[in-house]
N, C-alpha and C. Protein backbone atom coordinates (compact mmCIF):
# COMPACT_ATOMS: atom_id res chain seq x y z
N MET A 1 -67.10 9.58 -4.01
CA MET A 1 -66.19 10.18 -3.07
C MET A 1 -65.39 9.11 -2.32
N LYS A 2 -66.11 8.02 -1.95
CA LYS A 2 -65.46 6.95 -1.23
C LYS A 2 -64.36 6.32 -2.10
N ASN A 3 -64.61 6.17 -3.40
CA ASN A 3 -63.61 5.61 -4.32
C ASN A 3 -62.37 6.49 -4.40
N ARG A 4 -62.60 7.77 -4.40
CA ARG A 4 -61.47 8.71 -4.45
C ARG A 4 -60.59 8.55 -3.20
N ILE A 5 -61.20 8.42 -2.06
CA ILE A 5 -60.45 8.26 -0.81
C ILE A 5 -59.66 6.96 -0.84
N ILE A 6 -60.29 5.88 -1.31
CA ILE A 6 -59.61 4.59 -1.39
C ILE A 6 -58.42 4.69 -2.34
N LYS A 7 -58.61 5.32 -3.51
CA LYS A 7 -57.51 5.49 -4.47
C LYS A 7 -56.39 6.33 -3.84
N PHE A 8 -56.77 7.37 -3.14
CA PHE A 8 -55.77 8.24 -2.50
C PHE A 8 -54.96 7.47 -1.46
N VAL A 9 -55.63 6.64 -0.67
CA VAL A 9 -54.95 5.84 0.36
C VAL A 9 -54.01 4.84 -0.30
N ARG A 10 -54.48 4.16 -1.36
CA ARG A 10 -53.63 3.21 -2.08
C ARG A 10 -52.41 3.92 -2.68
N TYR A 11 -52.65 5.06 -3.29
CA TYR A 11 -51.56 5.86 -3.87
C TYR A 11 -50.58 6.27 -2.78
N GLY A 12 -51.08 6.68 -1.65
CA GLY A 12 -50.23 7.10 -0.53
C GLY A 12 -49.39 5.95 -0.01
N ARG A 13 -50.00 4.75 0.10
CA ARG A 13 -49.25 3.57 0.55
C ARG A 13 -48.12 3.23 -0.43
N CYS A 14 -48.44 3.27 -1.71
CA CYS A 14 -47.42 2.99 -2.73
C CYS A 14 -46.29 4.00 -2.66
N LEU A 15 -46.66 5.25 -2.47
CA LEU A 15 -45.67 6.31 -2.37
C LEU A 15 -44.78 6.10 -1.15
N LEU A 16 -45.38 5.78 -0.02
CA LEU A 16 -44.61 5.52 1.20
C LEU A 16 -43.70 4.30 1.04
N LEU A 17 -44.19 3.25 0.41
CA LEU A 17 -43.39 2.06 0.18
C LEU A 17 -42.20 2.38 -0.72
N ALA A 18 -42.45 3.13 -1.79
CA ALA A 18 -41.36 3.51 -2.70
C ALA A 18 -40.33 4.36 -1.98
N LEU A 19 -40.78 5.29 -1.17
CA LEU A 19 -39.88 6.16 -0.41
C LEU A 19 -39.05 5.34 0.58
N ALA A 20 -39.68 4.38 1.25
CA ALA A 20 -38.98 3.52 2.20
C ALA A 20 -37.90 2.70 1.48
N LEU A 21 -38.23 2.16 0.31
CA LEU A 21 -37.26 1.37 -0.45
C LEU A 21 -36.06 2.22 -0.90
N ILE A 22 -36.34 3.44 -1.30
CA ILE A 22 -35.25 4.35 -1.71
C ILE A 22 -34.35 4.64 -0.52
N LEU A 23 -34.93 4.91 0.61
CA LEU A 23 -34.13 5.20 1.81
C LEU A 23 -33.31 3.99 2.24
N LEU A 24 -33.91 2.82 2.20
CA LEU A 24 -33.17 1.61 2.58
C LEU A 24 -32.05 1.30 1.60
N ALA A 25 -32.25 1.56 0.34
CA ALA A 25 -31.19 1.32 -0.64
C ALA A 25 -30.00 2.22 -0.38
N GLY A 26 -30.23 3.40 0.11
CA GLY A 26 -29.15 4.33 0.42
C GLY A 26 -28.41 3.97 1.69
N CYS A 27 -28.95 3.07 2.49
CA CYS A 27 -28.33 2.69 3.75
C CYS A 27 -27.45 1.46 3.60
N GLY A 28 -27.18 1.05 2.39
CA GLY A 28 -26.35 -0.12 2.18
C GLY A 28 -24.95 0.10 2.73
N GLU A 29 -24.28 -0.99 3.02
CA GLU A 29 -22.94 -0.91 3.59
C GLU A 29 -21.97 -0.36 2.54
N LYS A 30 -21.29 0.70 2.89
CA LYS A 30 -20.31 1.29 1.97
C LYS A 30 -18.95 0.72 2.30
N LYS A 31 -18.18 0.42 1.27
CA LYS A 31 -16.87 -0.18 1.44
C LYS A 31 -15.84 0.91 1.73
N ASP A 32 -15.03 0.66 2.72
CA ASP A 32 -13.95 1.58 3.07
C ASP A 32 -12.87 1.47 1.99
N PRO A 33 -12.50 2.58 1.32
CA PRO A 33 -11.51 2.50 0.24
C PRO A 33 -10.12 2.09 0.74
N MET A 34 -9.89 2.14 2.06
CA MET A 34 -8.59 1.73 2.61
C MET A 34 -8.63 0.30 3.15
N GLU A 35 -9.78 -0.36 3.04
CA GLU A 35 -9.91 -1.73 3.53
C GLU A 35 -9.14 -2.68 2.63
N LYS A 36 -8.40 -3.58 3.25
CA LYS A 36 -7.59 -4.54 2.50
C LYS A 36 -8.47 -5.48 1.70
N ILE A 37 -8.18 -5.60 0.41
CA ILE A 37 -8.86 -6.57 -0.45
C ILE A 37 -8.10 -7.89 -0.39
N LYS A 38 -6.76 -7.80 -0.55
CA LYS A 38 -5.94 -9.01 -0.46
C LYS A 38 -4.48 -8.63 -0.24
N ASP A 39 -3.74 -9.56 0.37
CA ASP A 39 -2.30 -9.41 0.48
C ASP A 39 -1.69 -9.69 -0.88
N LEU A 40 -0.63 -8.99 -1.20
CA LEU A 40 0.07 -9.22 -2.47
C LEU A 40 1.29 -10.09 -2.21
N GLU A 41 1.50 -11.04 -3.10
CA GLU A 41 2.71 -11.85 -3.02
C GLU A 41 3.86 -11.00 -3.52
N PHE A 42 5.05 -11.17 -2.91
CA PHE A 42 6.19 -10.37 -3.30
C PHE A 42 7.49 -11.12 -3.07
N THR A 43 8.54 -10.59 -3.68
CA THR A 43 9.89 -11.08 -3.49
C THR A 43 10.78 -9.88 -3.17
N VAL A 44 11.66 -10.04 -2.20
CA VAL A 44 12.66 -9.01 -1.91
C VAL A 44 13.87 -9.36 -2.79
N LEU A 45 14.27 -8.39 -3.61
CA LEU A 45 15.33 -8.66 -4.59
C LEU A 45 16.73 -8.37 -4.04
N ALA A 46 17.65 -9.23 -4.41
CA ALA A 46 19.08 -8.97 -4.18
C ALA A 46 19.53 -7.95 -5.23
N ASP A 47 20.60 -7.23 -4.94
CA ASP A 47 21.09 -6.18 -5.84
C ASP A 47 21.28 -6.66 -7.28
N GLU A 48 21.79 -7.87 -7.45
CA GLU A 48 22.07 -8.36 -8.80
C GLU A 48 20.80 -8.64 -9.61
N ASN A 49 19.64 -8.70 -8.96
CA ASN A 49 18.38 -8.95 -9.67
C ASN A 49 17.56 -7.69 -9.93
N VAL A 50 18.05 -6.55 -9.50
CA VAL A 50 17.35 -5.28 -9.70
C VAL A 50 17.61 -4.80 -11.13
N PRO A 51 16.57 -4.40 -11.87
CA PRO A 51 16.78 -3.88 -13.23
C PRO A 51 17.78 -2.71 -13.23
N GLU A 52 18.61 -2.66 -14.26
CA GLU A 52 19.68 -1.67 -14.34
C GLU A 52 19.18 -0.23 -14.22
N GLU A 53 18.09 0.07 -14.91
CA GLU A 53 17.55 1.44 -14.87
C GLU A 53 17.14 1.82 -13.44
N LEU A 54 16.57 0.89 -12.73
CA LEU A 54 16.17 1.12 -11.34
C LEU A 54 17.39 1.26 -10.44
N LYS A 55 18.42 0.45 -10.69
CA LYS A 55 19.67 0.56 -9.92
C LYS A 55 20.24 1.97 -10.01
N ALA A 56 20.19 2.54 -11.21
CA ALA A 56 20.72 3.90 -11.40
C ALA A 56 19.93 4.91 -10.58
N VAL A 57 18.63 4.78 -10.53
CA VAL A 57 17.79 5.69 -9.73
C VAL A 57 18.12 5.54 -8.25
N ILE A 58 18.25 4.30 -7.79
CA ILE A 58 18.57 4.05 -6.38
C ILE A 58 19.93 4.64 -6.03
N GLU A 59 20.90 4.44 -6.89
CA GLU A 59 22.25 4.96 -6.65
C GLU A 59 22.23 6.47 -6.49
N GLU A 60 21.42 7.12 -7.28
CA GLU A 60 21.31 8.58 -7.24
C GLU A 60 20.64 9.06 -5.94
N LYS A 61 19.70 8.29 -5.42
CA LYS A 61 18.89 8.73 -4.29
C LYS A 61 19.30 8.16 -2.94
N LYS A 62 20.16 7.17 -2.90
CA LYS A 62 20.34 6.36 -1.69
C LYS A 62 20.88 7.09 -0.46
N ASN A 63 21.50 8.24 -0.60
CA ASN A 63 22.05 8.93 0.56
C ASN A 63 21.00 9.63 1.42
N LEU A 64 19.83 9.84 0.85
CA LEU A 64 18.72 10.45 1.59
C LEU A 64 17.55 9.46 1.59
N PRO A 65 16.63 9.57 2.54
CA PRO A 65 15.46 8.68 2.52
C PRO A 65 14.69 8.86 1.20
N PHE A 66 14.21 7.75 0.63
CA PHE A 66 13.46 7.82 -0.62
C PHE A 66 12.41 6.72 -0.69
N LYS A 67 11.42 6.97 -1.55
CA LYS A 67 10.37 6.00 -1.86
C LYS A 67 10.13 6.10 -3.35
N VAL A 68 10.29 4.98 -4.05
CA VAL A 68 10.21 4.97 -5.51
C VAL A 68 9.43 3.74 -5.96
N THR A 69 8.65 3.92 -7.02
CA THR A 69 8.04 2.77 -7.68
C THR A 69 8.53 2.74 -9.12
N TYR A 70 8.57 1.54 -9.66
CA TYR A 70 9.09 1.33 -11.02
C TYR A 70 8.31 0.16 -11.59
N GLN A 71 8.00 0.21 -12.87
CA GLN A 71 7.30 -0.90 -13.51
C GLN A 71 8.05 -1.35 -14.75
N ASP A 72 8.03 -2.68 -14.96
CA ASP A 72 8.74 -3.25 -16.10
C ASP A 72 8.27 -4.68 -16.32
N ASN A 73 7.93 -5.02 -17.56
CA ASN A 73 7.57 -6.39 -17.95
C ASN A 73 6.52 -7.04 -17.06
N GLY A 74 5.47 -6.30 -16.74
CA GLY A 74 4.37 -6.88 -15.96
C GLY A 74 4.62 -6.96 -14.47
N PHE A 75 5.70 -6.34 -14.01
CA PHE A 75 6.00 -6.32 -12.58
C PHE A 75 6.09 -4.90 -12.07
N MET A 76 5.84 -4.76 -10.79
CA MET A 76 6.00 -3.47 -10.12
C MET A 76 7.10 -3.65 -9.07
N TYR A 77 7.98 -2.67 -9.01
CA TYR A 77 9.06 -2.67 -8.04
C TYR A 77 8.82 -1.51 -7.07
N ILE A 78 8.79 -1.83 -5.81
CA ILE A 78 8.57 -0.83 -4.77
C ILE A 78 9.86 -0.73 -3.98
N CYS A 79 10.43 0.47 -3.96
CA CYS A 79 11.73 0.67 -3.32
C CYS A 79 11.60 1.67 -2.18
N VAL A 80 12.21 1.33 -1.05
CA VAL A 80 12.22 2.23 0.10
C VAL A 80 13.65 2.28 0.60
N GLY A 81 14.19 3.50 0.68
CA GLY A 81 15.54 3.70 1.22
C GLY A 81 15.47 4.56 2.47
N TYR A 82 16.36 4.30 3.39
CA TYR A 82 16.34 5.01 4.68
C TYR A 82 17.49 6.00 4.83
N GLY A 83 18.17 6.29 3.74
CA GLY A 83 19.25 7.28 3.79
C GLY A 83 20.48 6.74 4.49
N GLU A 84 21.46 7.61 4.63
CA GLU A 84 22.72 7.19 5.24
C GLU A 84 22.56 6.97 6.74
N GLN A 85 23.06 5.82 7.18
CA GLN A 85 23.05 5.45 8.60
C GLN A 85 24.50 5.43 9.09
N VAL A 86 24.69 5.57 10.39
CA VAL A 86 26.04 5.72 10.96
C VAL A 86 26.88 4.46 10.87
N SER A 87 26.23 3.31 10.67
CA SER A 87 26.99 2.06 10.60
C SER A 87 26.29 1.09 9.67
N GLY A 88 26.91 -0.06 9.50
CA GLY A 88 26.28 -1.13 8.73
C GLY A 88 25.44 -1.99 9.66
N GLY A 89 24.96 -3.09 9.13
CA GLY A 89 24.21 -4.04 9.95
C GLY A 89 22.72 -3.80 10.01
N TYR A 90 22.22 -2.82 9.28
CA TYR A 90 20.78 -2.55 9.28
C TYR A 90 20.07 -3.52 8.36
N SER A 91 18.82 -3.77 8.66
CA SER A 91 17.98 -4.56 7.76
C SER A 91 16.61 -3.89 7.69
N ILE A 92 15.82 -4.31 6.73
CA ILE A 92 14.50 -3.71 6.53
C ILE A 92 13.47 -4.84 6.49
N ALA A 93 12.42 -4.68 7.28
CA ALA A 93 11.34 -5.67 7.32
C ALA A 93 10.15 -5.15 6.51
N VAL A 94 9.52 -6.06 5.78
CA VAL A 94 8.27 -5.73 5.09
C VAL A 94 7.14 -6.16 6.03
N ASN A 95 6.48 -5.19 6.62
CA ASN A 95 5.39 -5.48 7.56
C ASN A 95 4.11 -5.87 6.82
N ALA A 96 3.86 -5.22 5.69
CA ALA A 96 2.64 -5.50 4.93
C ALA A 96 2.78 -4.99 3.50
N LEU A 97 2.17 -5.72 2.59
CA LEU A 97 2.03 -5.28 1.19
C LEU A 97 0.67 -5.81 0.75
N TYR A 98 -0.27 -4.87 0.58
CA TYR A 98 -1.62 -5.31 0.27
C TYR A 98 -2.33 -4.34 -0.66
N LEU A 99 -3.39 -4.86 -1.27
CA LEU A 99 -4.19 -4.14 -2.24
C LEU A 99 -5.49 -3.67 -1.59
N THR A 100 -5.87 -2.41 -1.88
CA THR A 100 -7.17 -1.89 -1.47
C THR A 100 -7.91 -1.48 -2.73
N GLU A 101 -9.10 -0.93 -2.56
CA GLU A 101 -9.89 -0.50 -3.71
C GLU A 101 -9.17 0.59 -4.50
N ASN A 102 -8.43 1.45 -3.80
CA ASN A 102 -7.83 2.62 -4.45
C ASN A 102 -6.32 2.59 -4.60
N ALA A 103 -5.62 1.69 -3.89
CA ALA A 103 -4.16 1.77 -3.88
C ALA A 103 -3.53 0.45 -3.44
N VAL A 104 -2.20 0.43 -3.57
CA VAL A 104 -1.37 -0.63 -3.00
C VAL A 104 -0.69 0.00 -1.78
N TYR A 105 -0.74 -0.69 -0.65
CA TYR A 105 -0.13 -0.18 0.57
C TYR A 105 1.12 -0.98 0.87
N ALA A 106 2.23 -0.27 1.09
CA ALA A 106 3.51 -0.89 1.42
C ALA A 106 3.98 -0.34 2.76
N ASP A 107 4.25 -1.23 3.70
CA ASP A 107 4.67 -0.82 5.03
C ASP A 107 5.98 -1.53 5.35
N THR A 108 7.03 -0.76 5.58
CA THR A 108 8.34 -1.31 5.92
C THR A 108 8.87 -0.65 7.18
N THR A 109 9.85 -1.33 7.81
CA THR A 109 10.48 -0.80 9.00
C THR A 109 11.98 -1.02 8.92
N LEU A 110 12.74 -0.01 9.29
CA LEU A 110 14.19 -0.13 9.37
C LEU A 110 14.54 -0.75 10.72
N LEU A 111 15.32 -1.82 10.68
CA LEU A 111 15.75 -2.50 11.90
C LEU A 111 17.23 -2.23 12.12
N GLY A 112 17.58 -1.82 13.32
CA GLY A 112 18.96 -1.46 13.63
C GLY A 112 19.88 -2.66 13.73
N PRO A 113 21.17 -2.38 13.73
CA PRO A 113 22.15 -3.46 13.84
C PRO A 113 22.16 -4.04 15.26
N ASP A 114 22.71 -5.22 15.39
CA ASP A 114 22.87 -5.84 16.70
C ASP A 114 23.82 -4.97 17.52
N PRO A 115 23.41 -4.53 18.69
CA PRO A 115 24.27 -3.63 19.50
C PRO A 115 25.65 -4.21 19.79
N SER A 116 25.77 -5.52 19.91
CA SER A 116 27.08 -6.12 20.19
C SER A 116 28.03 -5.95 19.00
N ASP A 117 27.49 -5.96 17.79
CA ASP A 117 28.32 -5.75 16.60
C ASP A 117 28.87 -4.32 16.56
N VAL A 118 28.04 -3.36 16.95
CA VAL A 118 28.45 -1.95 16.92
C VAL A 118 29.49 -1.68 17.99
N THR A 119 29.28 -2.20 19.21
CA THR A 119 30.23 -1.94 20.31
C THR A 119 31.54 -2.68 20.10
N ALA A 120 31.51 -3.80 19.37
CA ALA A 120 32.74 -4.54 19.09
C ALA A 120 33.51 -3.95 17.91
N GLY A 121 32.99 -2.87 17.34
CA GLY A 121 33.68 -2.21 16.24
C GLY A 121 33.34 -2.79 14.88
N LYS A 122 32.47 -3.79 14.84
CA LYS A 122 32.08 -4.37 13.56
C LYS A 122 31.07 -3.45 12.88
N LYS A 123 31.05 -3.48 11.60
CA LYS A 123 30.05 -2.75 10.81
C LYS A 123 30.02 -1.27 11.16
N ASN A 124 31.19 -0.66 11.36
CA ASN A 124 31.20 0.75 11.78
C ASN A 124 31.26 1.73 10.62
N ALA A 125 31.35 1.26 9.38
CA ALA A 125 31.33 2.17 8.23
C ALA A 125 29.88 2.57 7.97
N PRO A 126 29.65 3.82 7.54
CA PRO A 126 28.27 4.23 7.23
C PRO A 126 27.67 3.34 6.14
N SER A 127 26.35 3.24 6.14
CA SER A 127 25.65 2.43 5.14
C SER A 127 24.41 3.17 4.67
N THR A 128 23.86 2.71 3.56
CA THR A 128 22.64 3.31 3.01
C THR A 128 21.63 2.19 2.75
N PRO A 129 20.94 1.72 3.79
CA PRO A 129 20.03 0.59 3.62
C PRO A 129 18.80 0.94 2.78
N TYR A 130 18.44 0.02 1.89
CA TYR A 130 17.23 0.16 1.09
C TYR A 130 16.72 -1.24 0.77
N ILE A 131 15.47 -1.30 0.33
CA ILE A 131 14.87 -2.57 -0.04
C ILE A 131 14.16 -2.40 -1.38
N VAL A 132 14.20 -3.46 -2.18
CA VAL A 132 13.48 -3.48 -3.45
C VAL A 132 12.53 -4.68 -3.41
N ILE A 133 11.25 -4.37 -3.48
CA ILE A 133 10.19 -5.39 -3.43
C ILE A 133 9.62 -5.54 -4.84
N LYS A 134 9.56 -6.78 -5.32
CA LYS A 134 9.01 -7.07 -6.65
C LYS A 134 7.67 -7.78 -6.47
N THR A 135 6.64 -7.26 -7.15
CA THR A 135 5.32 -7.87 -7.09
C THR A 135 4.65 -7.74 -8.44
N GLU A 136 3.49 -8.35 -8.59
CA GLU A 136 2.74 -8.23 -9.84
C GLU A 136 2.37 -6.77 -10.08
N PHE A 137 2.29 -6.39 -11.35
CA PHE A 137 1.90 -5.01 -11.67
C PHE A 137 0.44 -4.80 -11.33
N VAL A 138 0.17 -3.71 -10.62
CA VAL A 138 -1.19 -3.28 -10.30
C VAL A 138 -1.27 -1.81 -10.69
N ASP A 139 -2.25 -1.47 -11.49
CA ASP A 139 -2.37 -0.10 -12.00
C ASP A 139 -3.07 0.79 -10.97
N LYS A 140 -2.43 0.93 -9.82
CA LYS A 140 -2.93 1.79 -8.75
C LYS A 140 -1.72 2.45 -8.10
N PRO A 141 -1.94 3.61 -7.48
CA PRO A 141 -0.81 4.26 -6.80
C PRO A 141 -0.36 3.45 -5.59
N VAL A 142 0.88 3.66 -5.21
CA VAL A 142 1.43 3.00 -4.01
C VAL A 142 1.44 4.01 -2.88
N VAL A 143 0.92 3.59 -1.74
CA VAL A 143 0.93 4.41 -0.53
C VAL A 143 1.93 3.78 0.42
N PHE A 144 2.92 4.55 0.84
CA PHE A 144 3.96 4.06 1.73
C PHE A 144 3.60 4.39 3.17
N ASN A 145 3.63 3.41 4.05
CA ASN A 145 3.37 3.64 5.47
C ASN A 145 4.68 3.65 6.23
């Protein structure tokens, strides 16, 4: 009888140890899928360096705000347009372009013209500001911020 009790206690300890290990394994740190893995290197392209097929898409969409991605020859092109603006002189800043576990995140901001240029009558024709960002191809969706 004493042997049975000892075996039962040993079995119980092993069972508790196994259960504790299983629970601890489940408490491991989980990675946030939106956490930045790395910043992506990029180039902002001048109009003459934009692929022709992409230029045609931009031309079609530029009067309204748009977000487009395009891939060609191992590169990804991320395009953001802000639609028609009342004057010229706008620029676009790339705040961030980075890779996460699930996506590429692109964050841009439209910057207004210098107020002195607008009041002096400069750059008073409407414009359609957009930016084309070229980076390495990544087979993940792009999330625009």
